[in-house]
Amino acid sequence: MTALLLTACSNEPQDTHPNQPVTKRKAIFKQMLRTLEPMGMVARGREDYERQAFLSGAKELKQLATEPWAHFTPDSNYPPTRAKPEVWQQPSEFTQAQHKLEGSTDQLVKAAESGNMALIRPALNNVEENCKSCHQQFRGKI
């Protein structure tokens, strides 16, 4: 009920596309953020490090990092997307950004498997930098 009320109050247009690719990719990106944030808290010493929980988060993030791209179809450039036209105008650069993110999540899993925070911190920073870089190049403001 609360979600319905919040949706009704939102200024963002609804995704009326039959397959809702914008909604699907946004949901994946939000789950990526919900997975990444607690790991960042641990890496910055604000939360306790629990090796198995961190490793599980890294593995989940690695899987999630492969999922949103299928929802960037040619017919998915419509409101409420925040994707810049460059997603479709520069497909090789967009694919390269995807591969960078996926590669950095692979490295994060390897670092998490080691249990060594000296390896985990830079690996996590690399994931965050790849997210930021992609957003700067391919994600517009609301």
Protein backbone atom coordinates (compact mmCIF):
# COMPACT_ATOMS: atom_id res chain seq x y z
CA MET A 1 0.00 0.00 0.00
CA THR A 2 2.78 2.42 0.93
CA ALA A 3 4.61 1.67 -2.32
CA LEU A 4 1.44 2.41 -4.26
CA LEU A 5 1.05 5.76 -2.50
CA LEU A 6 4.69 6.65 -3.11
CA THR A 7 4.33 5.74 -6.76
CA ALA A 8 1.26 7.93 -7.05
CA CYS A 9 3.18 10.87 -5.54
CA SER A 10 6.17 10.47 -7.83
CA ASN A 11 6.77 13.03 -10.56
CA GLU A 12 8.50 10.38 -12.64
CA PRO A 13 6.50 9.08 -15.60
CA GLN A 14 5.35 5.49 -15.36
CA ASP A 15 6.89 2.82 -17.57
CA THR A 16 4.03 1.92 -19.89
CA HIS A 17 6.10 -0.12 -22.34
CA PRO A 18 4.69 -3.66 -22.66
CA ASN A 19 7.91 -5.37 -21.48
CA GLN A 20 8.97 -2.54 -19.15
CA PRO A 21 12.71 -2.68 -19.89
CA VAL A 22 13.33 0.63 -18.11
CA THR A 23 11.64 -0.63 -14.95
CA LYS A 24 13.52 -3.93 -15.11
CA ARG A 25 16.96 -2.39 -15.51
CA LYS A 26 16.26 0.23 -12.82
CA ALA A 27 15.29 -2.54 -10.40
CA ILE A 28 18.57 -4.35 -11.10
CA PHE A 29 20.61 -1.18 -10.61
CA LYS A 30 18.82 -0.51 -7.31
CA GLN A 31 19.60 -4.04 -6.15
CA MET A 32 23.22 -3.51 -7.15
CA LEU A 33 23.31 -0.38 -4.99
CA ARG A 34 21.65 -2.19 -2.05
CA THR A 35 24.31 -4.90 -2.38
CA LEU A 36 27.26 -2.52 -2.80
CA GLU A 37 26.47 -0.06 0.01
CA PRO A 38 26.96 -2.47 2.94
CA MET A 39 30.22 -3.67 1.43
CA GLY A 40 31.39 -0.07 1.23
CA MET A 41 30.54 0.41 4.90
CA VAL A 42 32.68 -2.61 5.78
CA ALA A 43 35.59 -1.51 3.57
CA ARG A 44 35.54 1.94 5.19
CA GLY A 45 35.55 0.42 8.69
CA ARG A 46 32.05 1.62 9.57
CA GLU A 47 30.65 -1.91 9.85
CA ASP A 48 32.21 -5.12 11.09
CA TYR A 49 33.81 -7.37 8.52
CA GLU A 50 32.19 -10.77 8.27
CA ARG A 51 34.05 -12.70 5.62
CA GLN A 52 31.20 -14.97 4.47
CA ALA A 53 28.65 -12.14 4.31
CA PHE A 54 31.08 -9.96 2.36
CA LEU A 55 31.90 -12.77 -0.05
CA SER A 56 28.20 -13.46 -0.58
CA GLY A 57 27.65 -9.78 -1.35
CA ALA A 58 30.54 -9.75 -3.81
CA LYS A 59 29.19 -12.82 -5.59
CA GLU A 60 25.70 -11.32 -5.75
CA LEU A 61 27.12 -8.10 -7.17
CA LYS A 62 29.09 -10.05 -9.77
CA GLN A 63 25.87 -11.75 -10.92
CA LEU A 64 23.86 -8.53 -10.89
CA ALA A 65 26.54 -6.76 -12.94
CA THR A 66 25.69 -8.98 -15.91
CA GLU A 67 21.92 -8.46 -15.81
CA PRO A 68 20.81 -4.90 -16.67
CA TRP A 69 22.35 -4.75 -20.14
CA ALA A 70 19.75 -6.98 -21.79
CA HIS A 71 17.16 -4.33 -20.91
CA PHE A 72 18.88 -1.58 -22.93
CA THR A 73 17.02 -2.49 -26.10
CA PRO A 74 16.68 -0.09 -29.03
CA ASP A 75 13.04 0.53 -28.12
CA SER A 76 13.80 1.32 -24.46
CA ASN A 77 14.83 4.95 -24.85
CA TYR A 78 11.65 6.50 -23.46
CA PRO A 79 10.57 8.16 -20.19
CA PRO A 80 11.20 7.32 -17.39
CA THR A 81 14.71 6.39 -18.61
CA ARG A 82 17.67 8.33 -17.34
CA ALA A 83 19.94 6.82 -19.96
CA LYS A 84 21.64 9.37 -22.15
CA PRO A 85 21.37 9.06 -25.94
CA GLU A 86 25.04 8.02 -25.89
CA VAL A 87 23.92 4.54 -24.79
CA TRP A 88 22.55 4.01 -28.28
CA GLN A 89 24.83 6.42 -30.16
CA GLN A 90 28.04 4.91 -28.77
CA PRO A 91 27.24 1.21 -28.39
CA SER A 92 30.85 0.03 -28.38
CA GLU A 93 31.77 2.47 -25.60
CA PHE A 94 28.70 1.40 -23.63
CA THR A 95 29.65 -2.25 -24.06
CA GLN A 96 33.19 -1.45 -22.97
CA ALA A 97 31.84 0.21 -19.80
CA GLN A 98 29.76 -2.90 -19.11
CA HIS A 99 32.81 -5.13 -19.47
CA LYS A 100 34.84 -2.89 -17.15
CA LEU A 101 32.18 -3.18 -14.47
CA GLU A 102 31.86 -6.92 -14.91
CA GLY A 103 35.64 -7.34 -14.77
CA SER A 104 35.91 -5.25 -11.63
CA THR A 105 33.24 -7.36 -9.93
CA ASP A 106 35.23 -10.48 -10.87
CA GLN A 107 38.27 -8.94 -9.18
CA LEU A 108 36.18 -8.04 -6.13
CA VAL A 109 35.08 -11.65 -5.75
CA LYS A 110 38.70 -12.81 -5.95
CA ALA A 111 39.73 -10.25 -3.35
CA ALA A 112 36.80 -11.21 -1.12
CA GLU A 113 37.79 -14.87 -1.39
CA SER A 114 41.22 -13.95 -0.03
CA GLY A 115 39.70 -12.33 3.04
CA ASN A 116 42.46 -9.72 2.85
CA MET A 117 41.09 -6.21 3.38
CA ALA A 118 44.24 -4.76 1.76
CA LEU A 119 43.09 -6.44 -1.48
CA ILE A 120 39.36 -5.92 -0.93
CA ARG A 121 39.45 -2.14 -0.50
CA PRO A 122 41.07 -1.30 -3.86
CA ALA A 123 38.92 -3.90 -5.63
CA LEU A 124 35.77 -2.36 -4.17
CA ASN A 125 37.00 1.14 -5.04
CA ASN A 126 37.51 -0.04 -8.63
CA VAL A 127 33.91 -1.29 -8.81
CA GLU A 128 32.65 2.03 -7.43
CA GLU A 129 34.80 3.99 -9.90
CA ASN A 130 33.48 1.94 -12.82
CA CYS A 131 29.91 2.61 -11.68
CA LYS A 132 30.63 6.33 -11.37
CA SER A 133 32.39 6.52 -14.73
CA CYS A 134 29.53 4.80 -16.52
CA HIS A 135 27.00 7.09 -14.84
CA GLN A 136 28.95 10.16 -15.89
CA GLN A 137 29.12 9.05 -19.49
CA PHE A 138 25.77 7.30 -19.95
CA ARG A 139 23.30 8.38 -17.26
CA GLY A 140 21.50 11.68 -17.30
CA LYS A 141 20.00 13.63 -14.48
CA ILE A 142 16.34 13.43 -13.59
